[in-house]
């Protein structure tokens, strides 16, 4: 597009604007465009909020599951620890109750 075409296009737009200002007529579609754009933005933001709320809910569920799994593991380890301590106590009791005898290897 050359400079003459740009100027002609500009002149046509200015002419149309002058006519619409003189007649006080505005195309309804043009007048409604800002409202439609605002509504579209609101709809987009609402959809984004809904997506973030769903992601938050999903993440919370994953965290709750992880916490539950870790608590189950702790419970199992505490049971094993209690059993190990009981066995250790039995061994210590057996060792301390056994009389010391000299063997040929210790002489």
PDB file of N, CA and C in Angstrom:
ATOM      1  N   UNK A   1       0.844  -1.163   0.000  1.00  0.00           N
ATOM      2  CA  UNK A   1       0.000   0.000   0.000  1.00  0.00           C
ATOM      3  C   UNK A   1       0.896   1.235   0.000  1.00  0.00           C
ATOM      4  N   UNK A   2       0.561   2.170  -0.877  1.00  0.00           N
ATOM      5  CA  UNK A   2       1.393   3.372  -0.933  1.00  0.00           C
ATOM      6  C   UNK A   2       0.766   4.508  -0.118  1.00  0.00           C
ATOM      7  N   UNK A   3       1.455   5.609  -0.074  1.00  0.00           N
ATOM      8  CA  UNK A   3       1.045   6.743   0.727  1.00  0.00           C
ATOM      9  C   UNK A   3      -0.289   7.322   0.254  1.00  0.00           C
ATOM     10  N   UNK A   4      -0.510   7.344  -1.049  1.00  0.00           N
ATOM     11  CA  UNK A   4      -1.766   7.886  -1.585  1.00  0.00           C
ATOM     12  C   UNK A   4      -2.951   7.026  -1.117  1.00  0.00           C
ATOM     13  N   UNK A   5      -2.773   5.689  -1.086  1.00  0.00           N
ATOM     14  CA  UNK A   5      -3.855   4.794  -0.663  1.00  0.00           C
ATOM     15  C   UNK A   5      -4.136   4.966   0.833  1.00  0.00           C
ATOM     16  N   UNK A   6      -3.080   5.139   1.619  1.00  0.00           N
ATOM     17  CA  UNK A   6      -3.258   5.362   3.049  1.00  0.00           C
ATOM     18  C   UNK A   6      -4.018   6.659   3.318  1.00  0.00           C
ATOM     19  N   UNK A   7      -3.646   7.706   2.595  1.00  0.00           N
ATOM     20  CA  UNK A   7      -4.318   8.993   2.776  1.00  0.00           C
ATOM     21  C   UNK A   7      -5.778   8.896   2.341  1.00  0.00           C
ATOM     22  N   UNK A   8      -6.040   8.188   1.252  1.00  0.00           N
ATOM     23  CA  UNK A   8      -7.413   8.019   0.774  1.00  0.00           C
ATOM     24  C   UNK A   8      -8.238   7.237   1.802  1.00  0.00           C
ATOM     25  N   UNK A   9      -7.659   6.199   2.380  1.00  0.00           N
ATOM     26  CA  UNK A   9      -8.350   5.429   3.404  1.00  0.00           C
ATOM     27  C   UNK A   9      -8.641   6.273   4.628  1.00  0.00           C
ATOM     28  N   UNK A  10      -7.653   7.071   5.004  1.00  0.00           N
ATOM     29  CA  UNK A  10      -7.835   7.959   6.147  1.00  0.00           C
ATOM     30  C   UNK A  10      -8.938   8.972   5.871  1.00  0.00           C
ATOM     31  N   UNK A  11      -8.933   9.527   4.685  1.00  0.00           N
ATOM     32  CA  UNK A  11      -9.952  10.505   4.323  1.00  0.00           C
ATOM     33  C   UNK A  11     -11.345   9.884   4.327  1.00  0.00           C
ATOM     34  N   UNK A  12     -11.449   8.641   3.890  1.00  0.00           N
ATOM     35  CA  UNK A  12     -12.744   7.967   3.880  1.00  0.00           C
ATOM     36  C   UNK A  12     -13.246   7.747   5.305  1.00  0.00           C
ATOM     37  N   UNK A  13     -12.352   7.369   6.189  1.00  0.00           N
ATOM     38  CA  UNK A  13     -12.734   7.151   7.584  1.00  0.00           C
ATOM     39  C   UNK A  13     -13.169   8.474   8.215  1.00  0.00           C
ATOM     40  N   UNK A  14     -12.417   9.521   7.975  1.00  0.00           N
ATOM     41  CA  UNK A  14     -12.767  10.836   8.529  1.00  0.00           C
ATOM     42  C   UNK A  14     -14.125  11.292   7.989  1.00  0.00           C
ATOM     43  N   UNK A  15     -14.360  11.058   6.718  1.00  0.00           N
ATOM     44  CA  UNK A  15     -15.637  11.425   6.113  1.00  0.00           C
ATOM     45  C   UNK A  15     -16.787  10.667   6.762  1.00  0.00           C
ATOM     46  N   UNK A  16     -16.606   9.374   6.964  1.00  0.00           N
ATOM     47  CA  UNK A  16     -17.645   8.569   7.612  1.00  0.00           C
ATOM     48  C   UNK A  16     -17.895   9.048   9.046  1.00  0.00           C
ATOM     49  N   UNK A  17     -16.849   9.387   9.742  1.00  0.00           N
ATOM     50  CA  UNK A  17     -16.998   9.873  11.113  1.00  0.00           C
ATOM     51  C   UNK A  17     -17.745  11.208  11.146  1.00  0.00           C
ATOM     52  N   UNK A  18     -17.431  12.091  10.231  1.00  0.00           N
ATOM     53  CA  UNK A  18     -18.111  13.387  10.168  1.00  0.00           C
ATOM     54  C   UNK A  18     -19.600  13.197   9.912  1.00  0.00           C
ATOM     55  N   UNK A  19     -19.920  12.272   8.998  1.00  0.00           N
ATOM     56  CA  UNK A  19     -21.331  12.007   8.685  1.00  0.00           C
ATOM     57  C   UNK A  19     -22.046  11.444   9.919  1.00  0.00           C
ATOM     58  N   UNK A  20     -21.435  10.500  10.607  1.00  0.00           N
ATOM     59  CA  UNK A  20     -22.092   9.905  11.769  1.00  0.00           C
ATOM     60  C   UNK A  20     -22.241  10.918  12.901  1.00  0.00           C
ATOM     61  N   UNK A  21     -21.294  11.848  13.027  1.00  0.00           N
ATOM     62  CA  UNK A  21     -21.406  12.880  14.046  1.00  0.00           C
ATOM     63  C   UNK A  21     -22.531  13.861  13.728  1.00  0.00           C
ATOM     64  N   UNK A  22     -22.689  14.180  12.440  1.00  0.00           N
ATOM     65  CA  UNK A  22     -23.739  15.112  12.027  1.00  0.00           C
ATOM     66  C   UNK A  22     -25.121  14.496  12.185  1.00  0.00           C
ATOM     67  N   UNK A  23     -25.249  13.205  11.914  1.00  0.00           N
ATOM     68  CA  UNK A  23     -26.560  12.553  11.966  1.00  0.00           C
ATOM     69  C   UNK A  23     -26.827  11.893  13.307  1.00  0.00           C
ATOM     70  N   UNK A  24     -25.849  11.877  14.168  1.00  0.00           N
ATOM     71  CA  UNK A  24     -25.973  11.233  15.485  1.00  0.00           C
ATOM     72  C   UNK A  24     -26.390   9.772  15.368  1.00  0.00           C
ATOM     73  N   UNK A  25     -25.912   9.106  14.381  1.00  0.00           N
ATOM     74  CA  UNK A  25     -26.201   7.677  14.230  1.00  0.00           C
ATOM     75  C   UNK A  25     -24.926   6.889  14.471  1.00  0.00           C
ATOM     76  N   UNK A  26     -25.090   5.845  15.222  1.00  0.00           N
ATOM     77  CA  UNK A  26     -23.967   4.964  15.502  1.00  0.00           C
ATOM     78  C   UNK A  26     -24.448   3.544  15.237  1.00  0.00           C
ATOM     79  N   UNK A  27     -23.637   2.781  14.569  1.00  0.00           N
ATOM     80  CA  UNK A  27     -23.978   1.390  14.306  1.00  0.00           C
ATOM     81  C   UNK A  27     -24.116   0.661  15.640  1.00  0.00           C
ATOM     82  N   UNK A  28     -25.215  -0.061  15.809  1.00  0.00           N
ATOM     83  CA  UNK A  28     -25.485  -0.757  17.075  1.00  0.00           C
ATOM     84  C   UNK A  28     -24.398  -1.764  17.402  1.00  0.00           C
ATOM     85  N   UNK A  29     -23.864  -2.436  16.396  1.00  0.00           N
ATOM     86  CA  UNK A  29     -22.803  -3.420  16.632  1.00  0.00           C
ATOM     87  C   UNK A  29     -21.546  -2.737  17.162  1.00  0.00           C
ATOM     88  N   UNK A  30     -21.253  -1.570  16.633  1.00  0.00           N
ATOM     89  CA  UNK A  30     -20.074  -0.824  17.074  1.00  0.00           C
ATOM     90  C   UNK A  30     -20.290  -0.331  18.505  1.00  0.00           C
ATOM     91  N   UNK A  31     -21.480   0.139  18.804  1.00  0.00           N
ATOM     92  CA  UNK A  31     -21.772   0.643  20.138  1.00  0.00           C
ATOM     93  C   UNK A  31     -21.731  -0.469  21.179  1.00  0.00           C
ATOM     94  N   UNK A  32     -22.129  -1.672  20.799  1.00  0.00           N
ATOM     95  CA  UNK A  32     -22.171  -2.792  21.737  1.00  0.00           C
ATOM     96  C   UNK A  32     -20.823  -3.484  21.904  1.00  0.00           C
ATOM     97  N   UNK A  33     -19.875  -3.182  21.052  1.00  0.00           N
ATOM     98  CA  UNK A  33     -18.582  -3.873  21.098  1.00  0.00           C
ATOM     99  C   UNK A  33     -17.883  -3.758  22.448  1.00  0.00           C
ATOM    100  N   UNK A  34     -17.787  -2.582  23.063  1.00  0.00           N
ATOM    101  CA  UNK A  34     -17.111  -2.514  24.368  1.00  0.00           C
ATOM    102  C   UNK A  34     -17.792  -3.383  25.429  1.00  0.00           C
ATOM    103  N   UNK A  35     -19.113  -3.410  25.416  1.00  0.00           N
ATOM    104  CA  UNK A  35     -19.844  -4.231  26.372  1.00  0.00           C
ATOM    105  C   UNK A  35     -19.552  -5.708  26.126  1.00  0.00           C
ATOM    106  N   UNK A  36     -19.557  -6.104  24.873  1.00  0.00           N
ATOM    107  CA  UNK A  36     -19.277  -7.504  24.533  1.00  0.00           C
ATOM    108  C   UNK A  36     -17.855  -7.884  24.932  1.00  0.00           C
ATOM    109  N   UNK A  37     -16.916  -6.983  24.713  1.00  0.00           N
ATOM    110  CA  UNK A  37     -15.523  -7.264  25.096  1.00  0.00           C
ATOM    111  C   UNK A  37     -15.381  -7.384  26.605  1.00  0.00           C
ATOM    112  N   UNK A  38     -16.070  -6.519  27.342  1.00  0.00           N
ATOM    113  CA  UNK A  38     -16.020  -6.600  28.805  1.00  0.00           C
ATOM    114  C   UNK A  38     -16.637  -7.908  29.290  1.00  0.00           C
ATOM    115  N   UNK A  39     -17.763  -8.297  28.691  1.00  0.00           N
ATOM    116  CA  UNK A  39     -18.406  -9.540  29.093  1.00  0.00           C
ATOM    117  C   UNK A  39     -17.524 -10.735  28.765  1.00  0.00           C
ATOM    118  N   UNK A  40     -16.873 -10.702  27.608  1.00  0.00           N
ATOM    119  CA  UNK A  40     -15.968 -11.788  27.236  1.00  0.00           C
ATOM    120  C   UNK A  40     -14.811 -11.883  28.219  1.00  0.00           C
ATOM    121  N   UNK A  41     -14.280 -10.741  28.652  1.00  0.00           N
ATOM    122  CA  UNK A  41     -13.185 -10.738  29.630  1.00  0.00           C
ATOM    123  C   UNK A  41     -13.661 -11.303  30.965  1.00  0.00           C
ATOM    124  N   UNK A  42     -14.857 -10.902  31.382  1.00  0.00           N
ATOM    125  CA  UNK A  42     -15.418 -11.425  32.634  1.00  0.00           C
ATOM    126  C   UNK A  42     -15.587 -12.936  32.540  1.00  0.00           C
ATOM    127  N   UNK A  43     -16.107 -13.419  31.416  1.00  0.00           N
ATOM    128  CA  UNK A  43     -16.293 -14.861  31.231  1.00  0.00           C
ATOM    129  C   UNK A  43     -14.961 -15.604  31.266  1.00  0.00           C
ATOM    130  N   UNK A  44     -13.946 -15.002  30.642  1.00  0.00           N
ATOM    131  CA  UNK A  44     -12.610 -15.606  30.643  1.00  0.00           C
ATOM    132  C   UNK A  44     -12.052 -15.681  32.061  1.00  0.00           C
ATOM    133  N   UNK A  45     -12.212 -14.616  32.814  1.00  0.00           N
ATOM    134  CA  UNK A  45     -11.702 -14.598  34.188  1.00  0.00           C
ATOM    135  C   UNK A  45     -12.441 -15.604  35.066  1.00  0.00           C
ATOM    136  N   UNK A  46     -13.755 -15.707  34.888  1.00  0.00           N
ATOM    137  CA  UNK A  46     -14.522 -16.684  35.661  1.00  0.00           C
ATOM    138  C   UNK A  46     -14.086 -18.107  35.343  1.00  0.00           C
ATOM    139  N   UNK A  47     -13.828 -18.375  34.069  1.00  0.00           N
ATOM    140  CA  UNK A  47     -13.359 -19.711  33.678  1.00  0.00           C
ATOM    141  C   UNK A  47     -11.992 -19.994  34.283  1.00  0.00           C
ATOM    142  N   UNK A  48     -11.123 -19.001  34.322  1.00  0.00           N
ATOM    143  CA  UNK A  48      -9.786 -19.167  34.907  1.00  0.00           C
ATOM    144  C   UNK A  48      -9.890 -19.430  36.409  1.00  0.00           C
ATOM    145  N   UNK A  49     -10.782 -18.701  37.076  1.00  0.00           N
ATOM    146  CA  UNK A  49     -10.987 -18.921  38.511  1.00  0.00           C
ATOM    147  C   UNK A  49     -11.474 -20.338  38.761  1.00  0.00           C
ATOM    148  N   UNK A  50     -12.429 -20.789  37.954  1.00  0.00           N
ATOM    149  CA  UNK A  50     -12.952 -22.153  38.123  1.00  0.00           C
ATOM    150  C   UNK A  50     -11.845 -23.183  37.923  1.00  0.00           C
ATOM    151  N   UNK A  51     -10.990 -22.953  36.924  1.00  0.00           N
ATOM    152  CA  UNK A  51      -9.883 -23.887  36.676  1.00  0.00           C
ATOM    153  C   UNK A  51      -8.901 -23.895  37.845  1.00  0.00           C
ATOM    154  N   UNK A  52      -8.615 -22.728  38.392  1.00  0.00           N
ATOM    155  CA  UNK A  52      -7.696 -22.648  39.538  1.00  0.00           C
ATOM    156  C   UNK A  52      -8.300 -23.293  40.782  1.00  0.00           C
ATOM    157  N   UNK A  53      -9.593 -23.110  40.989  1.00  0.00           N
ATOM    158  CA  UNK A  53     -10.241 -23.745  42.133  1.00  0.00           C
ATOM    159  C   UNK A  53     -10.204 -25.264  42.003  1.00  0.00           C
ATOM    160  N   UNK A  54     -10.394 -25.771  40.786  1.00  0.00           N
ATOM    161  CA  UNK A  54     -10.327 -27.215  40.567  1.00  0.00           C
ATOM    162  C   UNK A  54      -8.909 -27.728  40.798  1.00  0.00           C
ATOM    163  N   UNK A  55      -7.921 -26.978  40.310  1.00  0.00           N
ATOM    164  CA  UNK A  55      -6.528 -27.373  40.521  1.00  0.00           C
ATOM    165  C   UNK A  55      -6.187 -27.363  42.011  1.00  0.00           C
ATOM    166  N   UNK A  56      -6.692 -26.373  42.727  1.00  0.00           N
ATOM    167  CA  UNK A  56      -6.471 -26.290  44.170  1.00  0.00           C
ATOM    168  C   UNK A  56      -7.084 -27.499  44.866  1.00  0.00           C
ATOM    169  N   UNK A  57      -8.278 -27.852  44.470  1.00  0.00           N
ATOM    170  CA  UNK A  57      -8.964 -29.000  45.059  1.00  0.00           C
ATOM    171  C   UNK A  57      -8.204 -30.295  44.764  1.00  0.00           C
ATOM    172  N   UNK A  58      -7.762 -30.441  43.519  1.00  0.00           N
ATOM    173  CA  UNK A  58      -7.001 -31.639  43.138  1.00  0.00           C
ATOM    174  C   UNK A  58      -5.704 -31.732  43.920  1.00  0.00           C
ATOM    175  N   UNK A  59      -5.006 -30.613  44.049  1.00  0.00           N
ATOM    176  CA  UNK A  59      -3.735 -30.590  44.775  1.00  0.00           C
ATOM    177  C   UNK A  59      -3.958 -30.922  46.251  1.00  0.00           C
ATOM    178  N   UNK A  60      -5.023 -30.377  46.834  1.00  0.00           N
ATOM    179  CA  UNK A  60      -5.322 -30.666  48.247  1.00  0.00           C
ATOM    180  C   UNK A  60      -5.598 -32.153  48.431  1.00  0.00           C
ATOM    181  N   UNK A  61      -6.301 -32.754  47.496  1.00  0.00           N
ATOM    182  CA  UNK A  61      -6.591 -34.189  47.592  1.00  0.00           C
ATOM    183  C   UNK A  61      -5.301 -35.002  47.505  1.00  0.00           C
ATOM    184  N   UNK A  62      -4.388 -34.612  46.609  1.00  0.00           N
ATOM    185  CA  UNK A  62      -3.102 -35.319  46.491  1.00  0.00           C
ATOM    186  C   UNK A  62      -2.295 -35.181  47.785  1.00  0.00           C
ATOM    187  N   UNK A  63      -2.299 -33.998  48.357  1.00  0.00           N
ATOM    188  CA  UNK A  63      -1.554 -33.776  49.603  1.00  0.00           C
ATOM    189  C   UNK A  63      -2.161 -34.602  50.729  1.00  0.00           C
ATOM    190  N   UNK A  64      -3.491 -34.614  50.814  1.00  0.00           N
ATOM    191  CA  UNK A  64      -4.147 -35.417  51.853  1.00  0.00           C
ATOM    192  C   UNK A  64      -3.808 -36.894  51.714  1.00  0.00           C
ATOM    193  N   UNK A  65      -3.757 -37.383  50.487  1.00  0.00           N
ATOM    194  CA  UNK A  65      -3.399 -38.782  50.244  1.00  0.00           C
ATOM    195  C   UNK A  65      -1.959 -39.045  50.675  1.00  0.00           C
ATOM    196  N   UNK A  66      -1.060 -38.140  50.352  1.00  0.00           N
ATOM    197  CA  UNK A  66       0.350 -38.295  50.746  1.00  0.00           C
ATOM    198  C   UNK A  66       0.497 -38.300  52.259  1.00  0.00           C
ATOM    199  N   UNK A  67      -0.214 -37.403  52.934  1.00  0.00           N
ATOM    200  CA  UNK A  67      -0.153 -37.355  54.397  1.00  0.00           C
ATOM    201  C   UNK A  67      -0.662 -38.664  54.983  1.00  0.00           C
ATOM    202  N   UNK A  68      -1.748 -39.158  54.451  1.00  0.00           N
ATOM    203  CA  UNK A  68      -2.307 -40.420  54.941  1.00  0.00           C
ATOM    204  C   UNK A  68      -1.327 -41.576  54.738  1.00  0.00           C
ATOM    205  N   UNK A  69      -0.701 -41.623  53.566  1.00  0.00           N
ATOM    206  CA  UNK A  69       0.287 -42.673  53.296  1.00  0.00           C
ATOM    207  C   UNK A  69       1.461 -42.601  54.272  1.00  0.00           C
ATOM    208  N   UNK A  70       1.938 -41.393  54.538  1.00  0.00           N
ATOM    209  CA  UNK A  70       3.064 -41.226  55.460  1.00  0.00           C
ATOM    210  C   UNK A  70       2.678 -41.623  56.881  1.00  0.00           C
ATOM    211  N   UNK A  71       1.466 -41.280  57.283  1.00  0.00           N
ATOM    212  CA  UNK A  71       1.010 -41.683  58.620  1.00  0.00           C
ATOM    213  C   UNK A  71       0.907 -43.203  58.735  1.00  0.00           C
ATOM    214  N   UNK A  72       0.432 -43.849  57.662  1.00  0.00           N
ATOM    215  CA  UNK A  72       0.369 -45.321  57.663  1.00  0.00           C
ATOM    216  C   UNK A  72       1.768 -45.914  57.785  1.00  0.00           C
ATOM    217  N   UNK A  73       2.731 -45.325  57.069  1.00  0.00           N
ATOM    218  CA  UNK A  73       4.110 -45.813  57.147  1.00  0.00           C
ATOM    219  C   UNK A  73       4.669 -45.629  58.557  1.00  0.00           C
ATOM    220  N   UNK A  74       4.408 -44.482  59.165  1.00  0.00           N
ATOM    221  CA  UNK A  74       4.869 -44.242  60.537  1.00  0.00           C
ATOM    222  C   UNK A  74       4.264 -45.262  61.485  1.00  0.00           C
ATOM    223  N   UNK A  75       2.993 -45.538  61.330  1.00  0.00           N
ATOM    224  CA  UNK A  75       2.322 -46.512  62.193  1.00  0.00           C
ATOM    225  C   UNK A  75       2.970 -47.890  62.064  1.00  0.00           C
ATOM    226  N   UNK A  76       3.253 -48.298  60.837  1.00  0.00           N
ATOM    227  CA  UNK A  76       3.917 -49.588  60.619  1.00  0.00           C
ATOM    228  C   UNK A  76       5.306 -49.616  61.217  1.00  0.00           C
ATOM    229  N   UNK A  77       6.049 -48.537  61.057  1.00  0.00           N
ATOM    230  CA  UNK A  77       7.409 -48.479  61.606  1.00  0.00           C
ATOM    231  C   UNK A  77       7.390 -48.461  63.134  1.00  0.00           C
ATOM    232  N   UNK A  78       6.419 -47.790  63.723  1.00  0.00           N
ATOM    233  CA  UNK A  78       6.321 -47.787  65.184  1.00  0.00           C
ATOM    234  C   UNK A  78       6.011 -49.184  65.718  1.00  0.00           C
ATOM    235  N   UNK A  79       5.175 -49.930  64.997  1.00  0.00           N
ATOM    236  CA  UNK A  79       4.876 -51.310  65.395  1.00  0.00           C
ATOM    237  C   UNK A  79       6.134 -52.167  65.302  1.00  0.00           C
ATOM    238  N   UNK A  80       6.896 -52.003  64.197  1.00  0.00           N
ATOM    239  CA  UNK A  80       8.146 -52.751  64.039  1.00  0.00           C
ATOM    240  C   UNK A  80       9.141 -52.362  65.126  1.00  0.00           C
ATOM    241  N   UNK A  81       9.211 -51.080  65.454  1.00  0.00           N
ATOM    242  CA  UNK A  81      10.139 -50.618  66.481  1.00  0.00           C
ATOM    243  C   UNK A  81       9.780 -51.213  67.846  1.00  0.00           C
ATOM    244  N   UNK A  82       8.521 -51.257  68.163  1.00  0.00           N
ATOM    245  CA  UNK A  82       8.077 -51.842  69.432  1.00  0.00           C
ATOM    246  C   UNK A  82       8.472 -53.313  69.495  1.00  0.00           C
ATOM    247  N   UNK A  83       8.280 -54.020  68.397  1.00  0.00           N
ATOM    248  CA  UNK A  83       8.643 -55.441  68.336  1.00  0.00           C
ATOM    249  C   UNK A  83      10.160 -55.617  68.470  1.00  0.00           C
ATOM    250  N   UNK A  84      10.914 -54.776  67.781  1.00  0.00           N
ATOM    251  CA  UNK A  84      12.377 -54.860  67.846  1.00  0.00           C
ATOM    252  C   UNK A  84      12.883 -54.592  69.258  1.00  0.00           C
ATOM    253  N   UNK A  85      12.297 -53.613  69.925  1.00  0.00           N
ATOM    254  CA  UNK A  85      12.700 -53.309  71.297  1.00  0.00           C
ATOM    255  C   UNK A  85      12.388 -54.475  72.227  1.00  0.00           C
ATOM    256  N   UNK A  86      11.245 -55.133  72.004  1.00  0.00           N
ATOM    257  CA  UNK A  86      10.875 -56.288  72.834  1.00  0.00           C
ATOM    258  C   UNK A  86      11.862 -57.429  72.620  1.00  0.00           C
ATOM    259  N   UNK A  87      12.241 -57.672  71.386  1.00  0.00           N
ATOM    260  CA  UNK A  87      13.212 -58.734  71.095  1.00  0.00           C
ATOM    261  C   UNK A  87      14.569 -58.396  71.695  1.00  0.00           C
ATOM    262  N   UNK A  88      14.974 -57.155  71.596  1.00  0.00           N
ATOM    263  CA  UNK A  88      16.250 -56.726  72.163  1.00  0.00           C
ATOM    264  C   UNK A  88      16.248 -56.903  73.685  1.00  0.00           C
ATOM    265  N   UNK A  89      15.150 -56.579  74.306  1.00  0.00           N
ATOM    266  CA  UNK A  89      15.046 -56.745  75.756  1.00  0.00           C
ATOM    267  C   UNK A  89      15.169 -58.213  76.135  1.00  0.00           C
ATOM    268  N   UNK A  90      14.576 -59.100  75.346  1.00  0.00           N
ATOM    269  CA  UNK A  90      14.674 -60.536  75.618  1.00  0.00           C
ATOM    270  C   UNK A  90      16.113 -61.009  75.474  1.00  0.00           C
ATOM    271  N   UNK A  91      16.786 -60.524  74.439  1.00  0.00           N
ATOM    272  CA  UNK A  91      18.185 -60.927  74.234  1.00  0.00           C
ATOM    273  C   UNK A  91      19.046 -60.426  75.380  1.00  0.00           C
ATOM    274  N   UNK A  92      18.866 -59.179  75.774  1.00  0.00           N
ATOM    275  CA  UNK A  92      19.645 -58.616  76.878  1.00  0.00           C
ATOM    276  C   UNK A  92      19.381 -59.384  78.174  1.00  0.00           C
ATOM    277  N   UNK A  93      18.149 -59.765  78.402  1.00  0.00           N
ATOM    278  CA  UNK A  93      17.791 -60.520  79.590  1.00  0.00           C
ATOM    279  C   UNK A  93      18.449 -61.893  79.567  1.00  0.00           C
ATOM    280  N   UNK A  94      18.432 -62.540  78.401  1.00  0.00           N
ATOM    281  CA  UNK A  94      19.039 -63.871  78.276  1.00  0.00           C
ATOM    282  C   UNK A  94      20.544 -63.791  78.458  1.00  0.00           C
ATOM    283  N   UNK A  95      21.170 -62.757  77.926  1.00  0.00           N
ATOM    284  CA  UNK A  95      22.623 -62.609  78.050  1.00  0.00           C
ATOM    285  C   UNK A  95      22.998 -62.316  79.501  1.00  0.00           C
ATOM    286  N   UNK A  96      22.268 -61.491  80.158  1.00  0.00           N
ATOM    287  CA  UNK A  96      22.615 -61.151  81.546  1.00  0.00           C
ATOM    288  C   UNK A  96      22.300 -62.292  82.508  1.00  0.00           C
ATOM    289  N   UNK A  97      21.357 -63.151  82.187  1.00  0.00           N
ATOM    290  CA  UNK A  97      20.991 -64.264  83.075  1.00  0.00           C
ATOM    291  C   UNK A  97      21.907 -65.461  82.878  1.00  0.00           C
ATOM    292  N   UNK A  98      22.578 -65.554  81.775  1.00  0.00           N
ATOM    293  CA  UNK A  98      23.432 -66.703  81.473  1.00  0.00           C
ATOM    294  C   UNK A  98      24.722 -66.586  82.290  1.00  0.00           C
ATOM    295  N   UNK A  99      25.076 -67.634  83.058  1.00  0.00           N
ATOM    296  CA  UNK A  99      26.321 -67.574  83.841  1.00  0.00           C
ATOM    297  C   UNK A  99      27.532 -67.616  82.912  1.00  0.00           C
ATOM    298  N   UNK A 100      28.542 -66.903  83.321  1.00  0.00           N
ATOM    299  CA  UNK A 100      29.749 -66.874  82.506  1.00  0.00           C
ATOM    300  C   UNK A 100      30.586 -68.083  82.842  1.00  0.00           C
ATOM    301  N   UNK A 101      30.924 -68.825  81.835  1.00  0.00           N
ATOM    302  CA  UNK A 101      31.779 -70.000  82.025  1.00  0.00           C
ATOM    303  C   UNK A 101      33.006 -69.826  81.179  1.00  0.00           C
ATOM    304  N   UNK A 102      34.081 -70.341  81.712  1.00  0.00           N
ATOM    305  CA  UNK A 102      35.339 -70.227  80.966  1.00  0.00           C
ATOM    306  C   UNK A 102      35.407 -71.380  79.992  1.00  0.00           C
ATOM    307  N   UNK A 103      35.782 -71.050  78.800  1.00  0.00           N
ATOM    308  CA  UNK A 103      35.965 -72.107  77.789  1.00  0.00           C
ATOM    309  C   UNK A 103      37.445 -72.196  77.481  1.00  0.00           C
ATOM    310  N   UNK A 104      37.786 -73.223  76.793  1.00  0.00           N
ATOM    311  CA  UNK A 104      39.187 -73.434  76.434  1.00  0.00           C
ATOM    312  C   UNK A 104      39.714 -72.301  75.595  1.00  0.00           C
ATOM    313  N   UNK A 105      38.847 -71.679  74.791  1.00  0.00           N
ATOM    314  CA  UNK A 105      39.291 -70.604  73.918  1.00  0.00           C
ATOM    315  C   UNK A 105      39.638 -69.356  74.718  1.00  0.00           C
ATOM    316  N   UNK A 106      39.019 -69.171  75.874  1.00  0.00           N
ATOM    317  CA  UNK A 106      39.285 -67.963  76.666  1.00  0.00           C
ATOM    318  C   UNK A 106      40.423 -68.186  77.650  1.00  0.00           C
ATOM    319  N   UNK A 107      40.872 -69.416  77.876  1.00  0.00           N
ATOM    320  CA  UNK A 107      41.952 -69.686  78.826  1.00  0.00           C
ATOM    321  C   UNK A 107      43.251 -69.384  78.247  1.00  0.00           C
TER     322      UNK A 107
END
